[in-house]
């Protein structure tokens, strides 16, 4: 038994006489871009939440922590800045990966899931 997406694609190709279902491909692309955009925003939100948490959940504490980070970043040598950038990218990838794992149910569009039970 094939996947739901493959079944829908095959049914669309049969309906159109061999041509692909470009509307469905565009819909899937837009859904994927939306999923990735929301995941990116949630990742940035996790970083903001981290700074708010180390700032004692107050605006003053958060701004103090950000000022401390900015002061140390500007005073750092280039090798240390490169290491920091690498650390931020690695953390971004890890947090985004965890969010994708937790949101894996949202990867497949809902109407594709509901159309899977119907015969084409």
N, C-alpha and C. Protein backbone atom coordinates (compact mmCIF):
# COMPACT_ATOMS: atom_id res chain seq x y z
N UNK A 1 0.85 -1.18 0.00
CA UNK A 1 0.00 0.00 0.00
C UNK A 1 0.89 1.24 0.00
N UNK A 2 0.65 2.14 -0.96
CA UNK A 2 1.46 3.34 -1.08
C UNK A 2 1.04 4.40 -0.07
N UNK A 3 1.82 5.44 -0.05
CA UNK A 3 1.51 6.53 0.88
C UNK A 3 0.28 7.30 0.40
N UNK A 4 -0.26 8.09 1.28
CA UNK A 4 -1.45 8.87 0.97
C UNK A 4 -1.16 9.86 -0.15
N UNK A 5 0.01 10.50 -0.08
CA UNK A 5 0.37 11.48 -1.11
C UNK A 5 0.53 10.80 -2.46
N UNK A 6 1.16 9.63 -2.48
CA UNK A 6 1.34 8.92 -3.74
C UNK A 6 0.00 8.48 -4.31
N UNK A 7 -0.93 8.04 -3.46
CA UNK A 7 -2.25 7.64 -3.94
C UNK A 7 -2.98 8.82 -4.54
N UNK A 8 -2.91 9.99 -3.89
CA UNK A 8 -3.59 11.17 -4.41
C UNK A 8 -2.95 11.62 -5.73
N UNK A 9 -1.62 11.56 -5.80
CA UNK A 9 -0.93 11.96 -7.02
C UNK A 9 -1.32 11.02 -8.17
N UNK A 10 -1.35 9.72 -7.91
CA UNK A 10 -1.71 8.76 -8.94
C UNK A 10 -3.15 8.97 -9.42
N UNK A 11 -4.05 9.26 -8.49
CA UNK A 11 -5.44 9.53 -8.88
C UNK A 11 -5.53 10.79 -9.72
N UNK A 12 -4.76 11.81 -9.37
CA UNK A 12 -4.78 13.07 -10.14
C UNK A 12 -4.21 12.86 -11.54
N UNK A 13 -3.17 12.04 -11.64
CA UNK A 13 -2.58 11.76 -12.96
C UNK A 13 -3.58 11.00 -13.83
N UNK A 14 -4.31 10.06 -13.24
CA UNK A 14 -5.33 9.32 -14.01
C UNK A 14 -6.44 10.25 -14.47
N UNK A 15 -6.85 11.19 -13.61
CA UNK A 15 -7.92 12.13 -13.99
C UNK A 15 -7.49 13.04 -15.13
N UNK A 16 -6.23 13.44 -15.14
CA UNK A 16 -5.77 14.40 -16.14
C UNK A 16 -5.17 13.72 -17.36
N UNK A 17 -5.28 12.45 -17.46
CA UNK A 17 -4.80 11.75 -18.65
C UNK A 17 -3.29 11.70 -18.76
N UNK A 18 -2.58 11.52 -17.65
CA UNK A 18 -1.14 11.37 -17.68
C UNK A 18 -0.37 12.60 -17.25
N UNK A 19 -1.00 13.76 -17.26
CA UNK A 19 -0.30 14.98 -16.81
C UNK A 19 -0.23 15.00 -15.29
N UNK A 20 0.76 15.70 -14.78
CA UNK A 20 0.90 15.81 -13.33
C UNK A 20 -0.10 16.80 -12.75
N UNK A 21 -0.34 16.67 -11.46
CA UNK A 21 -1.24 17.59 -10.76
C UNK A 21 -0.40 18.74 -10.20
N UNK A 22 -0.23 19.79 -11.02
CA UNK A 22 0.63 20.89 -10.61
C UNK A 22 0.00 21.72 -9.49
N UNK A 23 -1.31 21.76 -9.44
CA UNK A 23 -1.99 22.46 -8.34
C UNK A 23 -1.66 21.83 -7.00
N UNK A 24 -1.67 20.51 -6.98
CA UNK A 24 -1.34 19.81 -5.74
C UNK A 24 0.13 20.02 -5.36
N UNK A 25 1.01 20.01 -6.36
CA UNK A 25 2.43 20.25 -6.09
C UNK A 25 2.65 21.65 -5.53
N UNK A 26 1.96 22.64 -6.08
CA UNK A 26 2.07 24.00 -5.56
C UNK A 26 1.51 24.08 -4.14
N UNK A 27 0.41 23.40 -3.91
CA UNK A 27 -0.18 23.39 -2.56
C UNK A 27 0.79 22.75 -1.57
N UNK A 28 1.39 21.64 -1.96
CA UNK A 28 2.34 20.96 -1.07
C UNK A 28 3.56 21.84 -0.82
N UNK A 29 4.02 22.56 -1.86
CA UNK A 29 5.16 23.46 -1.69
C UNK A 29 4.82 24.61 -0.74
N UNK A 30 3.65 25.21 -0.90
CA UNK A 30 3.24 26.29 0.00
C UNK A 30 3.08 25.78 1.43
N UNK A 31 2.54 24.60 1.59
CA UNK A 31 2.39 24.03 2.93
C UNK A 31 3.75 23.79 3.56
N UNK A 32 4.70 23.28 2.78
CA UNK A 32 6.04 23.03 3.29
C UNK A 32 6.74 24.33 3.67
N UNK A 33 6.62 25.35 2.84
CA UNK A 33 7.22 26.66 3.15
C UNK A 33 6.59 27.23 4.42
N UNK A 34 5.29 27.10 4.56
CA UNK A 34 4.62 27.57 5.77
C UNK A 34 5.08 26.82 7.01
N UNK A 35 5.22 25.52 6.88
CA UNK A 35 5.70 24.70 8.00
C UNK A 35 7.10 25.14 8.42
N UNK A 36 7.98 25.34 7.44
CA UNK A 36 9.35 25.75 7.76
C UNK A 36 9.40 27.16 8.34
N UNK A 37 8.53 28.07 7.84
CA UNK A 37 8.51 29.43 8.37
C UNK A 37 8.04 29.44 9.83
N UNK A 38 7.01 28.66 10.13
CA UNK A 38 6.52 28.60 11.51
C UNK A 38 7.58 27.97 12.42
N UNK A 39 8.26 26.95 11.91
CA UNK A 39 9.32 26.32 12.70
C UNK A 39 10.45 27.32 12.97
N UNK A 40 10.81 28.12 11.97
CA UNK A 40 11.85 29.13 12.15
C UNK A 40 11.43 30.16 13.20
N UNK A 41 10.19 30.62 13.13
CA UNK A 41 9.71 31.59 14.12
C UNK A 41 9.67 30.98 15.52
N UNK A 42 9.30 29.71 15.62
CA UNK A 42 9.29 29.06 16.93
C UNK A 42 10.71 28.90 17.47
N UNK A 43 11.67 28.67 16.59
CA UNK A 43 13.07 28.56 17.01
C UNK A 43 13.56 29.89 17.56
N UNK A 44 13.27 30.97 16.84
CA UNK A 44 13.65 32.30 17.33
C UNK A 44 12.95 32.60 18.65
N UNK A 45 11.71 32.18 18.78
CA UNK A 45 10.98 32.37 20.03
C UNK A 45 11.62 31.61 21.19
N UNK A 46 12.19 30.43 20.90
CA UNK A 46 12.88 29.68 21.94
C UNK A 46 14.12 30.43 22.42
N UNK A 47 14.83 31.07 21.49
CA UNK A 47 15.99 31.87 21.89
C UNK A 47 15.56 33.07 22.72
N UNK A 48 14.48 33.72 22.33
CA UNK A 48 13.98 34.86 23.10
C UNK A 48 13.56 34.39 24.50
N UNK A 49 12.87 33.26 24.57
CA UNK A 49 12.46 32.71 25.86
C UNK A 49 13.67 32.40 26.74
N UNK A 50 14.74 31.92 26.11
CA UNK A 50 15.97 31.65 26.87
C UNK A 50 16.51 32.93 27.50
N UNK A 51 16.58 34.01 26.71
CA UNK A 51 17.10 35.26 27.26
C UNK A 51 16.16 35.86 28.31
N UNK A 52 14.88 35.70 28.11
CA UNK A 52 13.93 36.18 29.12
C UNK A 52 14.09 35.36 30.40
N UNK A 53 14.32 34.07 30.27
CA UNK A 53 14.48 33.22 31.45
C UNK A 53 15.76 33.55 32.22
N UNK A 54 16.87 33.75 31.50
CA UNK A 54 18.10 34.07 32.24
C UNK A 54 18.08 35.50 32.76
N UNK A 55 17.15 36.32 32.26
CA UNK A 55 16.98 37.67 32.76
C UNK A 55 15.99 37.74 33.90
N UNK A 56 15.59 36.60 34.41
CA UNK A 56 14.69 36.58 35.55
C UNK A 56 13.24 36.90 35.20
N UNK A 57 12.85 36.66 33.94
CA UNK A 57 11.50 36.91 33.46
C UNK A 57 11.06 38.36 33.67
N UNK A 58 12.03 39.26 33.53
CA UNK A 58 11.71 40.69 33.58
C UNK A 58 12.38 41.37 32.40
N UNK A 59 11.81 42.46 31.96
CA UNK A 59 12.37 43.18 30.83
C UNK A 59 13.73 43.77 31.19
N UNK A 60 13.86 44.30 32.40
CA UNK A 60 15.13 44.87 32.83
C UNK A 60 16.24 43.82 32.84
N UNK A 61 15.94 42.65 33.39
CA UNK A 61 16.94 41.58 33.44
C UNK A 61 17.31 41.09 32.05
N UNK A 62 16.32 40.99 31.18
CA UNK A 62 16.58 40.54 29.81
C UNK A 62 17.48 41.53 29.09
N UNK A 63 17.18 42.82 29.21
CA UNK A 63 18.00 43.84 28.55
C UNK A 63 19.42 43.86 29.14
N UNK A 64 19.53 43.62 30.44
CA UNK A 64 20.85 43.56 31.07
C UNK A 64 21.66 42.40 30.49
N UNK A 65 21.02 41.23 30.34
CA UNK A 65 21.73 40.07 29.78
C UNK A 65 22.13 40.31 28.33
N UNK A 66 21.24 40.92 27.55
CA UNK A 66 21.56 41.21 26.15
C UNK A 66 22.69 42.24 26.04
N UNK A 67 22.70 43.25 26.92
CA UNK A 67 23.78 44.24 26.91
C UNK A 67 25.10 43.58 27.28
N UNK A 68 25.07 42.68 28.24
CA UNK A 68 26.27 41.95 28.64
C UNK A 68 26.80 41.12 27.47
N UNK A 69 25.90 40.42 26.78
CA UNK A 69 26.29 39.61 25.63
C UNK A 69 26.88 40.49 24.53
N UNK A 70 26.24 41.62 24.25
CA UNK A 70 26.71 42.50 23.19
C UNK A 70 28.07 43.09 23.52
N UNK A 71 28.29 43.47 24.77
CA UNK A 71 29.58 44.03 25.18
C UNK A 71 30.69 43.00 25.02
N UNK A 72 30.43 41.78 25.44
CA UNK A 72 31.45 40.73 25.33
C UNK A 72 31.68 40.33 23.87
N UNK A 73 30.62 40.38 23.05
CA UNK A 73 30.75 40.02 21.64
C UNK A 73 31.64 41.04 20.92
N UNK A 74 31.41 42.33 21.17
CA UNK A 74 32.18 43.38 20.50
C UNK A 74 33.65 43.34 20.94
N UNK A 75 33.91 43.00 22.20
CA UNK A 75 35.28 42.99 22.72
C UNK A 75 36.03 41.71 22.38
N UNK A 76 35.34 40.69 21.86
CA UNK A 76 35.99 39.39 21.61
C UNK A 76 36.88 39.45 20.38
N UNK A 77 37.84 38.54 20.35
CA UNK A 77 38.74 38.44 19.20
C UNK A 77 38.04 37.65 18.09
N UNK A 78 38.49 37.77 16.84
CA UNK A 78 37.80 37.13 15.71
C UNK A 78 37.64 35.62 15.84
N UNK A 79 38.60 34.93 16.39
CA UNK A 79 38.47 33.47 16.53
C UNK A 79 37.35 33.11 17.50
N UNK A 80 37.23 33.88 18.54
CA UNK A 80 36.16 33.62 19.52
C UNK A 80 34.79 33.97 18.95
N UNK A 81 34.72 35.02 18.14
CA UNK A 81 33.46 35.37 17.47
C UNK A 81 33.05 34.26 16.51
N UNK A 82 34.01 33.70 15.78
CA UNK A 82 33.71 32.59 14.86
C UNK A 82 33.18 31.38 15.62
N UNK A 83 33.79 31.09 16.77
CA UNK A 83 33.30 29.98 17.59
C UNK A 83 31.88 30.24 18.09
N UNK A 84 31.61 31.48 18.48
CA UNK A 84 30.27 31.83 18.95
C UNK A 84 29.24 31.68 17.83
N UNK A 85 29.60 32.15 16.63
CA UNK A 85 28.68 32.01 15.49
C UNK A 85 28.40 30.53 15.20
N UNK A 86 29.43 29.71 15.27
CA UNK A 86 29.25 28.27 15.05
C UNK A 86 28.34 27.67 16.12
N UNK A 87 28.52 28.09 17.36
CA UNK A 87 27.67 27.61 18.45
C UNK A 87 26.21 28.01 18.23
N UNK A 88 25.98 29.25 17.81
CA UNK A 88 24.61 29.71 17.58
C UNK A 88 23.96 28.93 16.44
N UNK A 89 24.71 28.70 15.36
CA UNK A 89 24.16 27.92 14.24
C UNK A 89 23.85 26.49 14.67
N UNK A 90 24.76 25.88 15.42
CA UNK A 90 24.53 24.51 15.88
C UNK A 90 23.30 24.43 16.79
N UNK A 91 23.18 25.38 17.72
CA UNK A 91 22.00 25.40 18.59
C UNK A 91 20.72 25.63 17.80
N UNK A 92 20.80 26.48 16.79
CA UNK A 92 19.63 26.75 15.95
C UNK A 92 19.19 25.47 15.24
N UNK A 93 20.14 24.72 14.71
CA UNK A 93 19.81 23.47 14.01
C UNK A 93 19.22 22.45 14.99
N UNK A 94 19.80 22.34 16.18
CA UNK A 94 19.30 21.38 17.16
C UNK A 94 17.88 21.74 17.62
N UNK A 95 17.66 23.01 17.95
CA UNK A 95 16.33 23.43 18.40
C UNK A 95 15.31 23.26 17.28
N UNK A 96 15.67 23.64 16.05
CA UNK A 96 14.75 23.46 14.93
C UNK A 96 14.46 21.98 14.69
N UNK A 97 15.48 21.14 14.81
CA UNK A 97 15.26 19.69 14.65
C UNK A 97 14.32 19.13 15.70
N UNK A 98 14.48 19.57 16.94
CA UNK A 98 13.57 19.12 18.00
C UNK A 98 12.14 19.60 17.74
N UNK A 99 12.00 20.84 17.30
CA UNK A 99 10.67 21.36 17.00
C UNK A 99 10.02 20.60 15.85
N UNK A 100 10.81 20.25 14.85
CA UNK A 100 10.26 19.48 13.72
C UNK A 100 9.81 18.10 14.21
N UNK A 101 10.59 17.49 15.09
CA UNK A 101 10.18 16.18 15.62
C UNK A 101 8.88 16.31 16.41
N UNK A 102 8.77 17.36 17.23
CA UNK A 102 7.55 17.54 18.01
C UNK A 102 6.35 17.94 17.15
N UNK A 103 6.61 18.57 15.99
CA UNK A 103 5.53 19.02 15.11
C UNK A 103 5.37 18.12 13.88
N UNK A 104 5.88 16.91 13.91
CA UNK A 104 5.87 16.06 12.72
C UNK A 104 4.47 15.77 12.20
N UNK A 105 3.46 15.85 13.06
CA UNK A 105 2.09 15.63 12.62
C UNK A 105 1.61 16.73 11.69
N UNK A 106 2.25 17.91 11.73
CA UNK A 106 1.82 19.03 10.90
C UNK A 106 2.51 19.08 9.55
N UNK A 107 3.38 18.13 9.26
CA UNK A 107 4.10 18.16 7.98
C UNK A 107 3.15 17.83 6.83
N UNK A 108 2.32 16.82 6.99
CA UNK A 108 1.38 16.43 5.93
C UNK A 108 0.13 17.28 6.05
N UNK A 109 -0.31 17.92 4.95
CA UNK A 109 -1.53 18.73 5.02
C UNK A 109 -2.75 17.93 5.46
N UNK A 110 -3.68 18.60 6.14
CA UNK A 110 -4.86 17.91 6.70
C UNK A 110 -5.75 17.32 5.63
N UNK A 111 -5.98 18.04 4.52
CA UNK A 111 -6.89 17.51 3.50
C UNK A 111 -6.31 16.29 2.79
N UNK A 112 -5.00 16.14 2.77
CA UNK A 112 -4.39 14.94 2.21
C UNK A 112 -4.66 13.76 3.13
N UNK A 113 -4.61 14.00 4.43
CA UNK A 113 -4.89 12.93 5.39
C UNK A 113 -6.35 12.52 5.30
N UNK A 114 -7.26 13.49 5.24
CA UNK A 114 -8.68 13.15 5.18
C UNK A 114 -9.05 12.55 3.85
N UNK A 115 -8.34 12.90 2.77
CA UNK A 115 -8.65 12.32 1.46
C UNK A 115 -8.12 10.89 1.33
N UNK A 116 -7.24 10.49 2.24
CA UNK A 116 -6.65 9.16 2.18
C UNK A 116 -7.66 8.05 2.40
N UNK A 117 -8.69 8.30 3.18
CA UNK A 117 -9.67 7.28 3.47
C UNK A 117 -10.71 7.11 2.37
N UNK A 118 -10.82 8.07 1.48
CA UNK A 118 -11.81 8.02 0.42
C UNK A 118 -11.23 7.32 -0.80
N UNK A 119 -12.07 6.65 -1.54
CA UNK A 119 -11.59 6.00 -2.77
C UNK A 119 -11.55 7.03 -3.89
N UNK A 120 -10.50 6.96 -4.70
CA UNK A 120 -10.31 7.94 -5.78
C UNK A 120 -10.88 7.45 -7.08
